């Protein structure tokens, strides 16, 4: 999926990234720390699974995240 990095929180070695595209918000979960700033345009790949606590009721088990455009500071 392609979108804007809307929010990130890290807990115990797991990173939760919320990515916003024009369809809404999707939570992606990674087992590593993310090296991307809020507002970055990212490409995220992984497997979709049902998760009632996530925004929209599904989350992406993230495998890879690529920063396509970092925010201008």
C-alpha atoms as a PDB file:
ATOM      1  CA  UNK A   1       0.000   0.000   0.000  1.00  0.00           C
ATOM      2  CA  UNK A   2       1.088   3.562  -0.627  1.00  0.00           C
ATOM      3  CA  UNK A   3       0.295   6.391   1.737  1.00  0.00           C
ATOM      4  CA  UNK A   4       1.406   8.959   4.297  1.00  0.00           C
ATOM      5  CA  UNK A   5       2.886   7.909   7.620  1.00  0.00           C
ATOM      6  CA  UNK A   6       0.221   9.280   9.947  1.00  0.00           C
ATOM      7  CA  UNK A   7       1.368   7.951  13.358  1.00  0.00           C
ATOM      8  CA  UNK A   8       4.000   5.631  14.853  1.00  0.00           C
ATOM      9  CA  UNK A   9       4.262   4.118  18.311  1.00  0.00           C
ATOM     10  CA  UNK A  10       6.809   1.606  19.512  1.00  0.00           C
ATOM     11  CA  UNK A  11       6.222  -0.847  22.322  1.00  0.00           C
ATOM     12  CA  UNK A  12       8.651  -3.561  23.390  1.00  0.00           C
ATOM     13  CA  UNK A  13      10.472  -3.895  20.066  1.00  0.00           C
ATOM     14  CA  UNK A  14       7.282  -3.791  17.986  1.00  0.00           C
ATOM     15  CA  UNK A  15       6.419  -0.750  15.860  1.00  0.00           C
ATOM     16  CA  UNK A  16       2.824   0.166  15.066  1.00  0.00           C
ATOM     17  CA  UNK A  17       2.594   2.448  12.033  1.00  0.00           C
ATOM     18  CA  UNK A  18      -0.668   4.026  10.940  1.00  0.00           C
ATOM     19  CA  UNK A  19      -0.637   4.774   7.208  1.00  0.00           C
ATOM     20  CA  UNK A  20      -3.205   7.063   5.608  1.00  0.00           C
ATOM     21  CA  UNK A  21      -4.271   6.818   1.994  1.00  0.00           C
ATOM     22  CA  UNK A  22      -7.309   8.293   0.295  1.00  0.00           C
ATOM     23  CA  UNK A  23      -9.409   5.340   1.495  1.00  0.00           C
ATOM     24  CA  UNK A  24      -8.656   5.902   5.184  1.00  0.00           C
ATOM     25  CA  UNK A  25      -6.243   4.605   7.833  1.00  0.00           C
ATOM     26  CA  UNK A  26      -4.520   1.209   8.041  1.00  0.00           C
ATOM     27  CA  UNK A  27      -2.344  -0.003  10.902  1.00  0.00           C
ATOM     28  CA  UNK A  28       0.840  -1.864   9.980  1.00  0.00           C
ATOM     29  CA  UNK A  29       2.804  -3.846  12.577  1.00  0.00           C
ATOM     30  CA  UNK A  30       6.561  -4.378  12.300  1.00  0.00           C
ATOM     31  CA  UNK A  31       8.947  -6.418  14.467  1.00  0.00           C
ATOM     32  CA  UNK A  32      11.667  -3.800  14.019  1.00  0.00           C
ATOM     33  CA  UNK A  33      12.083  -0.092  14.650  1.00  0.00           C
ATOM     34  CA  UNK A  34      10.952   2.127  11.773  1.00  0.00           C
ATOM     35  CA  UNK A  35      13.379   4.592  10.251  1.00  0.00           C
ATOM     36  CA  UNK A  36      10.797   6.999   8.827  1.00  0.00           C
ATOM     37  CA  UNK A  37       9.512  10.382   9.960  1.00  0.00           C
ATOM     38  CA  UNK A  38       5.862  11.297  10.385  1.00  0.00           C
ATOM     39  CA  UNK A  39       4.477  12.727   7.167  1.00  0.00           C
ATOM     40  CA  UNK A  40       6.728  10.596   4.959  1.00  0.00           C
ATOM     41  CA  UNK A  41       5.197   9.043   1.858  1.00  0.00           C
ATOM     42  CA  UNK A  42       5.783   5.303   2.229  1.00  0.00           C
ATOM     43  CA  UNK A  43       5.228   2.025   0.452  1.00  0.00           C
ATOM     44  CA  UNK A  44       4.327  -0.787   2.856  1.00  0.00           C
ATOM     45  CA  UNK A  45       4.081  -4.472   1.974  1.00  0.00           C
ATOM     46  CA  UNK A  46       2.902  -7.384   4.080  1.00  0.00           C
ATOM     47  CA  UNK A  47      -0.044  -9.633   4.878  1.00  0.00           C
ATOM     48  CA  UNK A  48      -3.507  -8.353   5.806  1.00  0.00           C
ATOM     49  CA  UNK A  49      -5.196  -9.945   8.830  1.00  0.00           C
ATOM     50  CA  UNK A  50      -8.304  -9.226  10.881  1.00  0.00           C
ATOM     51  CA  UNK A  51      -7.668  -7.277  14.087  1.00  0.00           C
ATOM     52  CA  UNK A  52     -10.676  -5.748  15.807  1.00  0.00           C
ATOM     53  CA  UNK A  53      -8.550  -3.298  17.858  1.00  0.00           C
ATOM     54  CA  UNK A  54      -6.941  -1.772  14.759  1.00  0.00           C
ATOM     55  CA  UNK A  55      -8.434   1.171  12.859  1.00  0.00           C
ATOM     56  CA  UNK A  56     -10.834  -0.280  10.278  1.00  0.00           C
ATOM     57  CA  UNK A  57     -10.799  -3.751  11.880  1.00  0.00           C
ATOM     58  CA  UNK A  58      -7.784  -5.029   9.907  1.00  0.00           C
ATOM     59  CA  UNK A  59      -4.038  -4.586  10.124  1.00  0.00           C
ATOM     60  CA  UNK A  60      -1.065  -5.257   7.920  1.00  0.00           C
ATOM     61  CA  UNK A  61       1.644  -7.587   9.221  1.00  0.00           C
ATOM     62  CA  UNK A  62       4.438  -5.482   7.746  1.00  0.00           C
ATOM     63  CA  UNK A  63       7.322  -7.099   5.915  1.00  0.00           C
ATOM     64  CA  UNK A  64       8.879  -4.072   4.269  1.00  0.00           C
ATOM     65  CA  UNK A  65       8.529  -0.298   4.360  1.00  0.00           C
ATOM     66  CA  UNK A  66      10.185   2.017   1.836  1.00  0.00           C
ATOM     67  CA  UNK A  67      10.313   5.786   2.220  1.00  0.00           C
ATOM     68  CA  UNK A  68       9.422   7.279  -1.152  1.00  0.00           C
ATOM     69  CA  UNK A  69       9.484  10.917  -0.015  1.00  0.00           C
ATOM     70  CA  UNK A  70      10.594  12.319   3.326  1.00  0.00           C
ATOM     71  CA  UNK A  71       8.777  15.377   4.670  1.00  0.00           C
ATOM     72  CA  UNK A  72      10.300  18.803   4.068  1.00  0.00           C
ATOM     73  CA  UNK A  73      11.495  20.266   7.341  1.00  0.00           C
END
